[in-house]
Amino acid sequence: MTRIAAHLNDAAITLLQNERIVYREPGFALLDERDLVTGKDAFANARIHPRRVQHRYWTNLGTTPLQVQRFGHLSAADLVSRQLEQMWKAADGSASELVVAVPAYMDTSHLGLFLGIAGELKLPVIALVDAAVAATRREYKNAVPVHIDIGLHATTLTRLAQPGHAQVERVEVLQDCGTYALYDIWLNTLAEAFVQQSRFDPLHTAETEQMLLDNLATWLARSAQRERVELELNYGGISHKAEVESLALIGAAAPVYQPIASKLRALYRAEETPAIQVTDRIARLPGLPDMLKARVGGELFVLEPGATARGALARIRESTARGSGVSLRRHLPWDQSALEVERDETARVHAGVPTHLLFGSKAYAVAASPPLVLGSQAGDGERVIGLGTDMPGISRRHCSISLRNGQCVLEDHSRYGTFLNGHRIDGSTVLQVGDTVRVGSPGYEFQMITTDETYGA
């Protein structure tokens, strides 16, 4: 009996066999005049034949016809089936059991359909495991782990509980916040560099646009090691060259990076030490790991390629039911030694400690005691910003802000929720200069600011 494992992340569907990655290809499908192909072959034509390519079939898994040109007779399930079929060909044929790690955005209906497809293809699925749990093989002592992975169209952040094993506690999925959006951003940034420096526009033809995409991974890897990246494209017998600053690539990615950092901050309570566990895909995105560490603090842990499939394979001990009898596992035992994480609050402090809350045209000082309370009704002896009773979703004592251990801490006391930069906090969180706090629906917004002490001196 041979057991292998797959990880269904559409940025790179992965199959692991005998500790070796035998298949790792993106969730792209190309329908040409002769055949339907998936993975790298489809990705290689993504910009040359965009109308013949589909890349949302894993996130939109269903049986409804796609209703798009060329693919009108096919459903997302048909495309998933073809990619699974091509993935399975990469195995040597000796596997009798398949463990599958699945992303959190796949709900019960998606998983049921996936198992139906696997059954038709005779894939011997014996277990489904949440991908974050599969990847987390050790305890992070004195810290709270959050696992982060990015797909083509979504980023998933999973806060994990540690009651003697790895267990899903809370999941946040950021839709339209994936590598595909970053491709578009970076291709435009690189094309602009070529236009300005060599008067060559690689977005003018589909062929040269595909060349940009094909070279993107190499240029991004170089940007992690150098301040400037040299670019070169050979087209029509002419070599076109340009340079781009690595910081320009990081800055251009801000529309995708910022929501990830903001959501991660909202997952941590003020008193907790973060253990930020990221996949190799996240680690390869220039500037993102450093940004997460700087904005959240704690320690950053980078997983090796194939870690999710490897973690699932190593910890499913017994054979289980197949097909429709397979259920999703949201907790697994650890199989590696624990890591001790030291508490580090310097990142949150260095990001800027707010001294005042700005509401309308008035700034309210933040102090250690008494705290500044936001709500619809003042309490005895409290400093309160009264918000009235006409706005829905506001409690009498909704939330409070105070200085604690050198940090500015926001605590939620309501049953409606308090939002940091658009994301609901989990009980409490550390505030930084520039943050926006919202209460109520549609709500009141408050800006966290600091005074210019140098000017005052």
Protein backbone atom coordinates (compact mmCIF):
# COMPACT_ATOMS: atom_id res chain seq x y z
CA MET A 1 0.00 0.00 0.00
CA THR A 2 1.43 3.38 -1.10
CA ARG A 3 0.06 6.68 0.19
CA ILE A 4 0.62 10.03 -1.51
CA ALA A 5 -0.66 13.55 -0.83
CA ALA A 6 -1.96 16.55 -2.79
CA HIS A 7 -2.40 20.20 -1.88
CA LEU A 8 -5.18 22.03 -3.75
CA ASN A 9 -3.82 25.58 -3.95
CA ASP A 10 -4.58 26.94 -7.42
CA ALA A 11 -1.38 28.98 -7.46
CA ALA A 12 0.38 25.60 -7.61
CA ILE A 13 -1.57 22.34 -7.37
CA THR A 14 0.96 20.02 -5.70
CA LEU A 15 1.33 16.23 -5.63
CA LEU A 16 3.86 14.66 -3.27
CA GLN A 17 5.07 11.08 -3.67
CA ASN A 18 7.92 9.39 -1.78
CA GLU A 19 8.95 12.74 -0.26
CA ARG A 20 9.30 14.17 -3.77
CA ILE A 21 7.14 16.75 -5.52
CA VAL A 22 6.06 15.05 -8.76
CA TYR A 23 3.50 17.65 -9.85
CA ARG A 24 3.35 21.40 -9.07
CA GLU A 25 1.38 23.38 -11.62
CA PRO A 26 -0.98 26.39 -11.54
CA GLY A 27 -4.75 26.27 -11.93
CA PHE A 28 -4.91 27.42 -15.55
CA ALA A 29 -6.87 25.70 -18.32
CA LEU A 30 -6.47 26.29 -22.07
CA LEU A 31 -8.96 25.14 -24.67
CA ASP A 32 -7.45 25.11 -28.16
CA GLU A 33 -8.76 23.65 -31.38
CA ARG A 34 -7.63 20.16 -30.47
CA ASP A 35 -7.59 19.63 -26.74
CA LEU A 36 -8.12 20.95 -23.20
CA VAL A 37 -4.83 21.32 -21.33
CA THR A 38 -4.14 22.60 -17.82
CA GLY A 39 -1.25 23.76 -15.66
CA LYS A 40 2.03 25.06 -17.08
CA ASP A 41 1.03 24.51 -20.70
CA ALA A 42 -2.03 26.70 -20.22
CA PHE A 43 -0.11 29.29 -18.19
CA ALA A 44 2.42 29.59 -21.03
CA ASN A 45 -0.42 30.91 -23.21
CA ALA A 46 -2.23 33.01 -20.61
CA ARG A 47 -1.43 36.33 -22.32
CA ILE A 48 -1.14 35.05 -25.87
CA HIS A 49 -4.66 33.55 -25.98
CA PRO A 50 -6.48 35.11 -22.99
CA ARG A 51 -9.94 34.21 -24.33
CA ARG A 52 -8.97 30.55 -24.47
CA VAL A 53 -7.73 30.47 -20.87
CA GLN A 54 -9.63 30.01 -17.59
CA HIS A 55 -8.10 30.43 -14.13
CA ARG A 56 -10.97 30.72 -11.63
CA TYR A 57 -12.36 27.20 -11.83
CA TRP A 58 -10.90 26.06 -8.50
CA THR A 59 -12.32 28.99 -6.52
CA ASN A 60 -15.64 28.88 -8.42
CA LEU A 61 -16.01 25.10 -8.49
CA GLY A 62 -19.48 24.18 -9.76
CA THR A 63 -21.38 22.32 -12.44
CA THR A 64 -23.02 25.32 -14.18
CA PRO A 65 -21.71 25.92 -17.74
CA LEU A 66 -19.19 28.76 -17.78
CA GLN A 67 -21.15 30.83 -20.33
CA VAL A 68 -18.00 32.30 -21.87
CA GLN A 69 -16.62 32.14 -25.37
CA ARG A 70 -15.12 28.74 -26.26
CA PHE A 71 -15.87 27.32 -22.77
CA GLY A 72 -19.66 27.62 -22.93
CA HIS A 73 -20.21 23.87 -23.02
CA LEU A 74 -17.88 23.23 -20.05
CA SER A 75 -18.21 23.82 -16.31
CA ALA A 76 -15.60 24.57 -13.67
CA ALA A 77 -15.99 20.96 -12.56
CA ASP A 78 -14.95 19.79 -16.03
CA LEU A 79 -11.75 21.86 -15.84
CA VAL A 80 -10.97 20.62 -12.32
CA SER A 81 -11.53 17.07 -13.53
CA ARG A 82 -9.06 17.52 -16.38
CA GLN A 83 -6.39 18.99 -14.11
CA LEU A 84 -6.83 16.22 -11.55
CA GLU A 85 -6.54 13.68 -14.35
CA GLN A 86 -3.31 15.26 -15.58
CA MET A 87 -2.00 15.53 -12.02
CA TRP A 88 -2.66 11.85 -11.38
CA LYS A 89 -0.65 10.89 -14.47
CA ALA A 90 2.41 12.33 -12.71
CA ALA A 91 2.18 9.54 -10.11
CA ASP A 92 3.83 6.26 -11.03
CA GLY A 93 0.59 4.29 -10.75
CA SER A 94 1.46 2.45 -7.55
CA ALA A 95 -0.43 4.75 -5.16
CA SER A 96 -3.42 3.19 -3.46
CA GLU A 97 -4.34 6.01 -1.05
CA LEU A 98 -4.51 9.78 -1.55
CA VAL A 99 -4.58 12.39 1.25
CA VAL A 100 -5.72 15.85 0.14
CA ALA A 101 -5.03 19.19 1.86
CA VAL A 102 -7.73 21.71 0.93
CA PRO A 103 -7.93 25.51 1.26
CA ALA A 104 -10.41 27.07 3.67
CA TYR A 105 -12.42 28.75 0.89
CA MET A 106 -13.64 25.34 -0.30
CA ASP A 107 -16.96 24.89 1.53
CA THR A 108 -19.04 21.74 2.01
CA SER A 109 -20.58 21.91 -1.47
CA HIS A 110 -17.15 22.38 -3.10
CA LEU A 111 -15.69 19.46 -1.19
CA GLY A 112 -18.63 17.22 -2.03
CA LEU A 113 -18.26 18.03 -5.71
CA PHE A 114 -14.51 17.49 -5.54
CA LEU A 115 -15.03 14.03 -4.01
CA GLY A 116 -17.54 13.23 -6.74
CA ILE A 117 -15.01 14.18 -9.42
CA ALA A 118 -12.29 12.19 -7.66
CA GLY A 119 -14.61 9.19 -7.54
CA GLU A 120 -15.30 9.36 -11.28
CA LEU A 121 -11.54 9.47 -11.92
CA LYS A 122 -11.00 6.61 -9.46
CA LEU A 123 -8.67 8.69 -7.29
CA PRO A 124 -8.34 6.82 -3.96
CA VAL A 125 -9.05 9.77 -1.62
CA ILE A 126 -9.01 8.57 2.01
CA ALA A 127 -8.82 11.91 3.89
CA LEU A 128 -9.39 15.65 3.48
CA VAL A 129 -7.38 17.97 5.75
CA ASP A 130 -7.55 21.74 6.22
CA ALA A 131 -4.40 23.10 4.54
CA ALA A 132 -3.32 25.29 7.47
CA VAL A 133 -3.61 22.39 9.91
CA ALA A 134 -1.71 20.11 7.53
CA ALA A 135 1.13 22.63 7.30
CA THR A 136 1.41 23.18 11.07
CA ARG A 137 3.43 20.28 12.43
CA ARG A 138 4.71 21.76 15.70
CA GLU A 139 3.56 23.78 18.69
CA TYR A 140 4.61 27.42 18.95
CA LYS A 141 5.10 27.83 22.69
CA ASN A 142 4.18 31.17 24.30
CA ALA A 143 2.74 32.37 20.97
CA VAL A 144 -0.34 32.20 18.76
CA PRO A 145 0.25 30.84 15.24
CA VAL A 146 -1.45 32.26 12.17
CA HIS A 147 -0.85 30.38 8.92
CA ILE A 148 -0.84 32.45 5.70
CA ASP A 149 -1.01 31.16 2.14
CA ILE A 150 -1.83 32.83 -1.14
CA GLY A 151 -3.60 31.40 -4.17
CA LEU A 152 -4.36 32.82 -7.60
CA HIS A 153 -7.32 34.88 -6.39
CA ALA A 154 -7.41 34.74 -2.60
CA THR A 155 -5.20 34.90 0.46
CA THR A 156 -6.12 32.73 3.44
CA LEU A 157 -5.18 33.56 7.03
CA THR A 158 -5.91 30.84 9.61
CA ARG A 159 -5.56 31.45 13.33
CA LEU A 160 -4.74 28.14 15.01
CA ALA A 161 -5.53 26.96 18.52
CA GLN A 162 -3.05 24.66 20.28
CA PRO A 163 -4.95 22.44 22.77
CA GLY A 164 -2.37 19.68 22.51
CA HIS A 165 -2.62 19.63 18.70
CA ALA A 166 -3.03 21.98 15.71
CA GLN A 167 -6.65 23.09 15.36
CA VAL A 168 -8.48 25.70 13.27
CA GLU A 169 -9.77 28.54 15.45
CA ARG A 170 -10.64 31.28 12.96
CA VAL A 171 -10.30 31.66 9.20
CA GLU A 172 -10.25 34.82 7.09
CA VAL A 173 -10.27 34.66 3.29
CA LEU A 174 -9.34 37.81 1.35
CA GLN A 175 -10.99 37.47 -2.05
CA ASP A 176 -9.40 39.06 -5.16
CA CYS A 177 -6.18 39.31 -3.18
CA GLY A 178 -3.97 36.74 -4.87
CA THR A 179 -1.02 36.22 -7.15
CA TYR A 180 -3.05 36.91 -10.29
CA ALA A 181 -3.69 40.49 -9.16
CA LEU A 182 0.02 40.82 -8.42
CA TYR A 183 0.88 39.57 -11.92
CA ASP A 184 -1.11 42.41 -13.46
CA ILE A 185 0.41 44.99 -11.11
CA TRP A 186 3.98 43.90 -11.72
CA LEU A 187 3.61 43.47 -15.48
CA ASN A 188 2.41 47.06 -15.74
CA THR A 189 5.29 48.24 -13.53
CA LEU A 190 7.86 46.41 -15.65
CA ALA A 191 6.28 47.55 -18.93
CA GLU A 192 6.44 51.17 -17.77
CA ALA A 193 10.16 50.77 -17.04
CA PHE A 194 10.76 49.47 -20.58
CA VAL A 195 8.73 52.29 -22.14
CA GLN A 196 10.53 55.01 -20.21
CA GLN A 197 14.03 53.63 -20.64
CA SER A 198 14.03 52.01 -24.08
CA ARG A 199 10.82 53.25 -25.78
CA PHE A 200 9.72 49.62 -26.08
CA ASP A 201 6.24 48.68 -24.89
CA PRO A 202 6.07 44.95 -24.10
CA LEU A 203 2.31 45.18 -23.53
CA HIS A 204 1.76 46.19 -27.14
CA THR A 205 1.75 42.58 -28.39
CA ALA A 206 0.47 39.41 -26.74
CA GLU A 207 3.76 37.62 -27.42
CA THR A 208 5.93 40.14 -25.56
CA GLU A 209 3.40 40.39 -22.74
CA GLN A 210 3.75 36.63 -22.29
CA MET A 211 7.53 37.08 -22.26
CA LEU A 212 7.14 39.48 -19.33
CA LEU A 213 5.05 36.94 -17.47
CA ASP A 214 7.49 34.10 -18.22
CA ASN A 215 10.42 36.12 -16.82
CA LEU A 216 8.55 37.52 -13.82
CA ALA A 217 9.52 34.82 -11.30
CA THR A 218 13.23 35.21 -12.13
CA TRP A 219 13.13 39.00 -11.82
CA LEU A 220 11.23 38.83 -8.53
CA ALA A 221 13.84 36.43 -7.13
CA ARG A 222 16.59 38.87 -8.10
CA SER A 223 14.74 41.75 -6.46
CA ALA A 224 15.08 39.98 -3.09
CA GLN A 225 18.88 40.13 -3.41
CA ARG A 226 19.51 43.44 -5.17
CA GLU A 227 18.42 47.07 -4.92
CA ARG A 228 17.88 47.23 -8.68
CA VAL A 229 16.90 44.51 -11.15
CA GLU A 230 18.20 44.46 -14.73
CA LEU A 231 15.53 43.55 -17.28
CA GLU A 232 16.04 42.25 -20.81
CA LEU A 233 13.67 41.04 -23.52
CA ASN A 234 14.74 39.83 -26.96
CA TYR A 235 12.06 40.42 -29.59
CA GLY A 236 12.27 40.81 -33.35
CA GLY A 237 16.02 40.34 -33.29
CA ILE A 238 16.47 43.31 -30.95
CA SER A 239 17.49 43.23 -27.29
CA HIS A 240 15.46 45.64 -25.14
CA LYS A 241 16.83 46.52 -21.71
CA ALA A 242 15.64 48.39 -18.64
CA GLU A 243 16.09 48.56 -14.89
CA VAL A 244 13.60 48.70 -12.06
CA GLU A 245 14.16 49.39 -8.38
CA SER A 246 13.25 46.53 -6.06
CA LEU A 247 11.42 49.00 -3.82
CA ALA A 248 9.28 49.99 -6.80
CA LEU A 249 8.04 46.42 -7.12
CA ILE A 250 7.23 46.33 -3.40
CA GLY A 251 5.48 49.68 -3.50
CA ALA A 252 3.40 48.70 -6.51
CA ALA A 253 2.13 45.64 -4.63
CA ALA A 254 0.68 47.75 -1.78
CA PRO A 255 -2.99 47.27 -2.89
CA VAL A 256 -2.56 43.52 -2.28
CA TYR A 257 -0.08 43.62 0.60
CA GLN A 258 -1.89 46.16 2.79
CA PRO A 259 -5.14 44.15 3.22
CA ILE A 260 -3.11 41.08 4.20
CA ALA A 261 -1.18 43.00 6.86
CA SER A 262 -4.33 44.69 8.17
CA LYS A 263 -6.23 41.42 8.41
CA LEU A 264 -3.30 39.75 10.18
CA ARG A 265 -3.16 42.54 12.77
CA ALA A 266 -6.89 42.14 13.46
CA LEU A 267 -6.40 38.42 14.19
CA TYR A 268 -4.06 39.11 17.12
CA ARG A 269 -5.11 40.34 20.53
CA ALA A 270 -3.04 42.98 22.29
CA GLU A 271 -1.40 40.65 24.81
CA GLU A 272 -0.50 37.88 22.35
CA THR A 273 2.85 37.07 20.76
CA PRO A 274 2.50 36.38 17.03
CA ALA A 275 3.98 33.31 15.36
CA ILE A 276 3.52 34.11 11.67
CA GLN A 277 3.78 30.93 9.61
CA VAL A 278 3.99 31.52 5.85
CA THR A 279 4.25 29.21 2.87
CA ASP A 280 7.08 29.39 0.38
CA ARG A 281 4.71 31.25 -1.98
CA ILE A 282 4.30 34.07 0.52
CA ALA A 283 8.04 34.08 1.25
CA ARG A 284 8.85 34.62 -2.44
CA LEU A 285 6.75 37.78 -2.71
CA PRO A 286 9.25 40.66 -2.45
CA GLY A 287 8.81 42.72 0.69
CA LEU A 288 5.69 41.00 2.04
CA PRO A 289 7.32 38.84 4.76
CA ASP A 290 9.29 41.85 6.03
CA MET A 291 6.15 43.98 6.01
CA LEU A 292 4.17 41.43 8.03
CA LYS A 293 6.96 41.13 10.60
CA ALA A 294 7.30 44.92 10.87
CA ARG A 295 3.56 45.57 11.23
CA VAL A 296 2.70 42.70 13.58
CA GLY A 297 5.84 41.74 15.50
CA GLY A 298 6.57 38.30 16.90
CA GLU A 299 8.51 35.83 14.77
CA LEU A 300 8.17 34.77 11.13
CA PHE A 301 8.47 31.10 10.14
CA VAL A 302 8.87 30.11 6.47
CA LEU A 303 7.79 26.64 5.33
CA GLU A 304 9.59 24.66 2.65
CA PRO A 305 8.02 23.92 -0.75
CA GLY A 306 5.50 21.10 -0.46
CA ALA A 307 5.23 21.50 3.33
CA THR A 308 1.43 21.36 3.36
CA ALA A 309 1.18 18.08 1.43
CA ARG A 310 4.11 16.68 3.42
CA GLY A 311 2.47 17.58 6.73
CA ALA A 312 -0.80 15.95 5.71
CA LEU A 313 0.91 12.80 4.50
CA ALA A 314 2.99 12.37 7.67
CA ARG A 315 0.12 12.68 10.13
CA ILE A 316 -2.74 10.66 8.68
CA ARG A 317 -1.97 7.39 10.39
CA GLU A 318 -4.93 5.16 9.66
CA SER A 319 -6.83 4.26 6.52
CA THR A 320 -10.31 5.76 6.47
CA ALA A 321 -13.43 5.65 4.36
CA ARG A 322 -13.29 6.61 0.71
CA GLY A 323 -15.47 8.72 -1.53
CA SER A 324 -18.58 10.27 -0.01
CA GLY A 325 -17.69 8.96 3.45
CA VAL A 326 -14.60 11.18 3.70
CA SER A 327 -14.96 14.18 6.02
CA LEU A 328 -12.81 17.26 6.49
CA ARG A 329 -10.29 17.19 9.34
CA ARG A 330 -9.72 20.51 11.07
CA HIS A 331 -7.22 19.29 13.65
CA LEU A 332 -4.19 16.98 13.62
CA PRO A 333 -1.54 15.95 16.17
CA TRP A 334 1.92 17.47 16.01
CA ASP A 335 4.77 15.28 14.84
CA GLN A 336 7.71 17.69 15.26
CA SER A 337 9.33 19.21 18.34
CA ALA A 338 7.89 22.44 19.74
CA LEU A 339 9.43 25.87 19.16
CA GLU A 340 9.82 28.48 21.88
CA VAL A 341 8.82 31.95 20.67
CA GLU A 342 10.13 34.98 22.52
CA ARG A 343 7.80 37.90 23.12
CA ASP A 344 8.79 40.90 21.00
CA GLU A 345 6.72 44.09 21.06
CA THR A 346 9.28 46.32 19.34
CA ALA A 347 7.67 46.01 15.90
CA ARG A 348 4.33 47.35 17.10
CA VAL A 349 6.05 50.15 19.01
CA HIS A 350 8.32 51.11 16.10
CA ALA A 351 5.30 51.43 13.83
CA GLY A 352 4.30 54.49 15.88
CA VAL A 353 2.34 54.76 19.11
CA PRO A 354 -0.70 57.04 18.74
CA THR A 355 -1.05 59.83 21.28
CA HIS A 356 -4.48 61.09 20.17
CA LEU A 357 -7.72 59.93 18.59
CA LEU A 358 -9.08 62.30 15.94
CA PHE A 359 -12.86 62.52 15.59
CA GLY A 360 -14.28 65.22 13.39
CA SER A 361 -12.20 68.33 14.09
CA LYS A 362 -11.22 67.43 17.65
CA ALA A 363 -8.29 65.37 18.95
CA TYR A 364 -8.75 63.37 22.16
CA ALA A 365 -5.62 62.44 24.16
CA VAL A 366 -4.99 58.77 24.87
CA ALA A 367 -3.73 57.99 28.37
CA ALA A 368 -2.97 54.99 30.56
CA SER A 369 -5.80 55.87 32.95
CA PRO A 370 -8.60 56.49 32.67
CA PRO A 371 -9.16 54.89 29.25
CA LEU A 372 -10.93 56.74 26.45
CA VAL A 373 -14.33 55.09 25.91
CA LEU A 374 -16.42 55.19 22.72
CA GLY A 375 -20.12 54.50 23.17
CA SER A 376 -23.67 55.76 23.26
CA GLN A 377 -23.84 56.42 26.99
CA ALA A 378 -21.27 57.75 29.45
CA GLY A 379 -20.36 55.84 32.59
CA ASP A 380 -19.49 57.36 35.97
CA GLY A 381 -15.97 58.77 36.07
CA GLU A 382 -15.10 57.72 32.50
CA ARG A 383 -13.71 59.79 29.65
CA VAL A 384 -16.31 59.12 26.96
CA ILE A 385 -16.86 60.23 23.39
CA GLY A 386 -20.65 60.10 23.31
CA LEU A 387 -21.92 58.82 19.97
CA GLY A 388 -25.65 59.14 20.58
CA THR A 389 -28.27 56.47 19.98
CA ASP A 390 -29.29 57.15 16.37
CA MET A 391 -26.52 55.02 14.77
CA PRO A 392 -27.24 51.24 14.60
CA GLY A 393 -24.68 48.80 15.97
CA ILE A 394 -23.27 50.89 18.82
CA SER A 395 -23.26 49.72 22.44
CA ARG A 396 -23.41 51.93 25.51
CA ARG A 397 -19.77 51.13 26.29
CA HIS A 398 -18.68 49.98 22.86
CA CYS A 399 -14.87 50.00 23.06
CA SER A 400 -12.01 51.66 24.92
CA ILE A 401 -8.53 52.92 24.05
CA SER A 402 -5.66 53.25 26.52
CA LEU A 403 -1.88 53.15 26.83
CA ARG A 404 -0.56 49.90 28.25
CA ASN A 405 3.07 48.74 28.51
CA GLY A 406 4.17 51.32 25.95
CA GLN A 407 1.46 50.35 23.47
CA CYS A 408 -1.87 51.89 22.46
CA VAL A 409 -4.46 49.16 23.04
CA LEU A 410 -8.00 48.99 21.63
CA GLU A 411 -10.47 46.74 23.49
CA ASP A 412 -13.88 45.74 22.16
CA HIS A 413 -16.66 45.51 24.78
CA SER A 414 -19.60 45.32 22.36
CA ARG A 415 -21.70 42.58 20.83
CA TYR A 416 -21.62 44.31 17.44
CA GLY A 417 -17.86 44.38 16.87
CA THR A 418 -15.16 47.02 16.52
CA PHE A 419 -13.25 47.34 13.24
CA LEU A 420 -9.58 48.16 12.65
CA ASN A 421 -8.89 49.37 9.11
CA GLY A 422 -12.07 47.62 7.99
CA HIS A 423 -11.42 44.30 9.77
CA ARG A 424 -13.23 43.16 12.90
CA ILE A 425 -10.86 42.73 15.83
CA ASP A 426 -10.83 39.69 18.09
CA GLY A 427 -11.33 41.20 21.55
CA SER A 428 -8.37 43.58 21.54
CA THR A 429 -5.53 44.76 19.35
CA VAL A 430 -2.56 47.13 19.28
CA LEU A 431 -3.13 50.44 17.46
CA GLN A 432 -0.57 52.23 15.30
CA VAL A 433 -0.34 55.75 13.94
CA GLY A 434 -2.53 56.08 10.83
CA ASP A 435 -5.01 53.38 11.84
CA THR A 436 -8.75 53.85 11.35
CA VAL A 437 -11.16 52.58 14.00
CA ARG A 438 -14.84 52.13 13.07
CA VAL A 439 -17.85 51.44 15.27
CA GLY A 440 -21.49 51.07 14.24
CA SER A 441 -23.13 50.56 10.83
CA PRO A 442 -22.48 52.37 8.53
CA GLY A 443 -20.62 53.78 11.50
CA TYR A 444 -18.37 56.46 12.89
CA GLU A 445 -14.68 56.50 11.97
CA PHE A 446 -11.79 57.65 14.15
CA GLN A 447 -8.20 58.29 13.10
CA MET A 448 -5.23 57.45 15.30
CA ILE A 449 -2.62 60.21 15.18
CA THR A 450 0.44 61.46 17.06
CA THR A 451 1.64 64.96 17.92
CA ASP A 452 4.83 66.57 16.61
CA GLU A 453 6.89 66.52 19.78
CA THR A 454 10.01 67.82 17.98
CA TYR A 455 8.21 71.00 16.94
CA GLY A 456 6.86 71.49 20.46
CA ALA A 457 10.34 71.21 21.94
